[in-house]
C-alpha atoms as a PDB file:
ATOM      1  CA  MET A   1    -124.138  73.849  41.762  1.00  0.00           C
ATOM      2  CA  ARG A   2    -121.601  71.338  40.506  1.00  0.00           C
ATOM      3  CA  LYS A   3    -122.455  67.660  40.346  1.00  0.00           C
ATOM      4  CA  GLU A   4    -120.053  65.513  42.394  1.00  0.00           C
ATOM      5  CA  ILE A   5    -118.789  62.391  40.618  1.00  0.00           C
ATOM      6  CA  THR A   6    -115.956  59.883  40.940  1.00  0.00           C
ATOM      7  CA  GLU A   7    -112.605  60.201  39.225  1.00  0.00           C
ATOM      8  CA  GLU A   8    -113.507  57.276  36.939  1.00  0.00           C
ATOM      9  CA  GLU A   9    -116.812  58.878  35.927  1.00  0.00           C
ATOM     10  CA  LEU A  10    -115.147  62.211  35.203  1.00  0.00           C
ATOM     11  CA  LEU A  11    -112.412  60.598  33.098  1.00  0.00           C
ATOM     12  CA  GLU A  12    -115.016  58.713  31.092  1.00  0.00           C
ATOM     13  CA  LEU A  13    -117.091  61.848  30.457  1.00  0.00           C
ATOM     14  CA  LEU A  14    -114.064  63.912  29.458  1.00  0.00           C
ATOM     15  CA  ASN A  15    -112.748  61.295  27.053  1.00  0.00           C
ATOM     16  CA  LEU A  16    -116.167  60.719  25.497  1.00  0.00           C
ATOM     17  CA  GLU A  17    -116.353  64.445  24.835  1.00  0.00           C
ATOM     18  CA  LEU A  18    -112.884  64.469  23.247  1.00  0.00           C
ATOM     19  CA  LYS A  19    -113.893  61.618  20.923  1.00  0.00           C
ATOM     20  CA  LYS A  20    -116.698  63.779  19.506  1.00  0.00           C
ATOM     21  CA  ASP A  21    -114.093  65.997  17.805  1.00  0.00           C
ATOM     22  CA  GLN A  22    -112.278  64.209  14.974  1.00  0.00           C
ATOM     23  CA  GLU A  23    -109.246  66.493  15.410  1.00  0.00           C
ATOM     24  CA  LEU A  24    -108.862  65.277  19.006  1.00  0.00           C
ATOM     25  CA  ILE A  25    -109.102  61.567  18.218  1.00  0.00           C
ATOM     26  CA  ASP A  26    -105.513  60.976  19.416  1.00  0.00           C
ATOM     27  CA  CYS A  27    -105.975  62.931  22.662  1.00  0.00           C
ATOM     28  CA  ARG A  28    -106.789  61.386  26.026  1.00  0.00           C
ATOM     29  CA  ILE A  29    -107.290  62.780  29.483  1.00  0.00           C
ATOM     30  CA  THR A  30    -105.186  60.314  31.440  1.00  0.00           C
ATOM     31  CA  SER A  31    -105.797  61.587  34.951  1.00  0.00           C
ATOM     32  CA  VAL A  32    -107.735  64.003  37.078  1.00  0.00           C
ATOM     33  CA  GLN A  33    -106.221  65.223  40.323  1.00  0.00           C
ATOM     34  CA  TRP A  34    -108.230  66.339  43.317  1.00  0.00           C
ATOM     35  CA  HIS A  35    -107.175  69.572  45.032  1.00  0.00           C
ATOM     36  CA  GLU A  36    -108.730  72.077  47.368  1.00  0.00           C
ATOM     37  CA  LYS A  37    -111.395  74.181  45.686  1.00  0.00           C
ATOM     38  CA  ASP A  38    -109.943  77.061  43.730  1.00  0.00           C
ATOM     39  CA  GLY A  39    -111.417  80.537  43.334  1.00  0.00           C
ATOM     40  CA  THR A  40    -114.064  79.238  40.933  1.00  0.00           C
ATOM     41  CA  GLY A  41    -115.102  76.379  43.224  1.00  0.00           C
ATOM     42  CA  CYS A  42    -113.505  73.642  41.099  1.00  0.00           C
ATOM     43  CA  ASN A  43    -111.618  70.919  42.976  1.00  0.00           C
ATOM     44  CA  TRP A  44    -109.748  69.091  40.200  1.00  0.00           C
ATOM     45  CA  SER A  45    -107.303  69.445  37.325  1.00  0.00           C
ATOM     46  CA  ALA A  46    -106.668  67.201  34.332  1.00  0.00           C
ATOM     47  CA  GLY A  47    -103.658  65.599  32.633  1.00  0.00           C
ATOM     48  CA  LEU A  48    -103.558  65.346  28.825  1.00  0.00           C
ATOM     49  CA  ARG A  49    -101.772  62.784  26.654  1.00  0.00           C
ATOM     50  CA  THR A  50    -101.555  62.706  22.859  1.00  0.00           C
ATOM     51  CA  SER A  51    -100.275  60.171  20.346  1.00  0.00           C
ATOM     52  CA  GLY A  52     -97.671  61.259  17.812  1.00  0.00           C
ATOM     53  CA  VAL A  53     -98.216  65.007  18.162  1.00  0.00           C
ATOM     54  CA  PRO A  54     -97.072  67.380  20.914  1.00  0.00           C
ATOM     55  CA  ALA A  55     -99.890  68.001  23.417  1.00  0.00           C
ATOM     56  CA  GLU A  56     -99.385  71.774  23.108  1.00  0.00           C
ATOM     57  CA  ILE A  57    -100.917  71.687  19.629  1.00  0.00           C
ATOM     58  CA  PHE A  58    -104.278  70.462  20.953  1.00  0.00           C
ATOM     59  CA  LYS A  59    -104.140  72.131  24.368  1.00  0.00           C
ATOM     60  CA  PRO A  60    -106.315  75.166  23.482  1.00  0.00           C
ATOM     61  CA  GLN A  61    -109.146  72.952  22.172  1.00  0.00           C
ATOM     62  CA  VAL A  62    -108.854  70.505  25.047  1.00  0.00           C
ATOM     63  CA  ASP A  63    -108.742  73.345  27.595  1.00  0.00           C
ATOM     64  CA  GLN A  64    -112.119  74.590  26.318  1.00  0.00           C
ATOM     65  CA  ILE A  65    -113.658  71.151  26.839  1.00  0.00           C
ATOM     66  CA  VAL A  66    -112.074  70.738  30.274  1.00  0.00           C
ATOM     67  CA  ALA A  67    -113.271  74.237  31.307  1.00  0.00           C
ATOM     68  CA  LYS A  68    -116.855  73.269  30.469  1.00  0.00           C
ATOM     69  CA  PHE A  69    -116.584  70.224  32.713  1.00  0.00           C
ATOM     70  CA  MET A  70    -114.827  72.179  35.480  1.00  0.00           C
ATOM     71  CA  ALA A  71    -117.856  74.465  35.607  1.00  0.00           C
ATOM     72  CA  GLY A  72    -120.271  71.551  35.966  1.00  0.00           C
ATOM     73  CA  TYR A  73    -118.492  68.846  37.961  1.00  0.00           C
ATOM     74  CA  ASN A  74    -116.415  68.322  41.079  1.00  0.00           C
ATOM     75  CA  LEU A  75    -114.710  65.199  42.314  1.00  0.00           C
ATOM     76  CA  LEU A  76    -116.188  63.424  45.293  1.00  0.00           C
ATOM     77  CA  GLU A  77    -114.086  64.158  48.347  1.00  0.00           C
END
């Protein structure tokens, strides 16, 4: 069962997790967008921003972090 939280709470949790990895220090999740639940039961997606480096370089690492949170959290509807 996923925990339902606000967009602000989810953004804070995601960005705190990114800060734990020194390689991702210049990465930020800038938004989460609500959508209808997908096949996994998740109802949000995330937008990534990086400073000075193309986001594609960090996307695989960030996707792993986001996937962990997608499995545990949903946005309040």
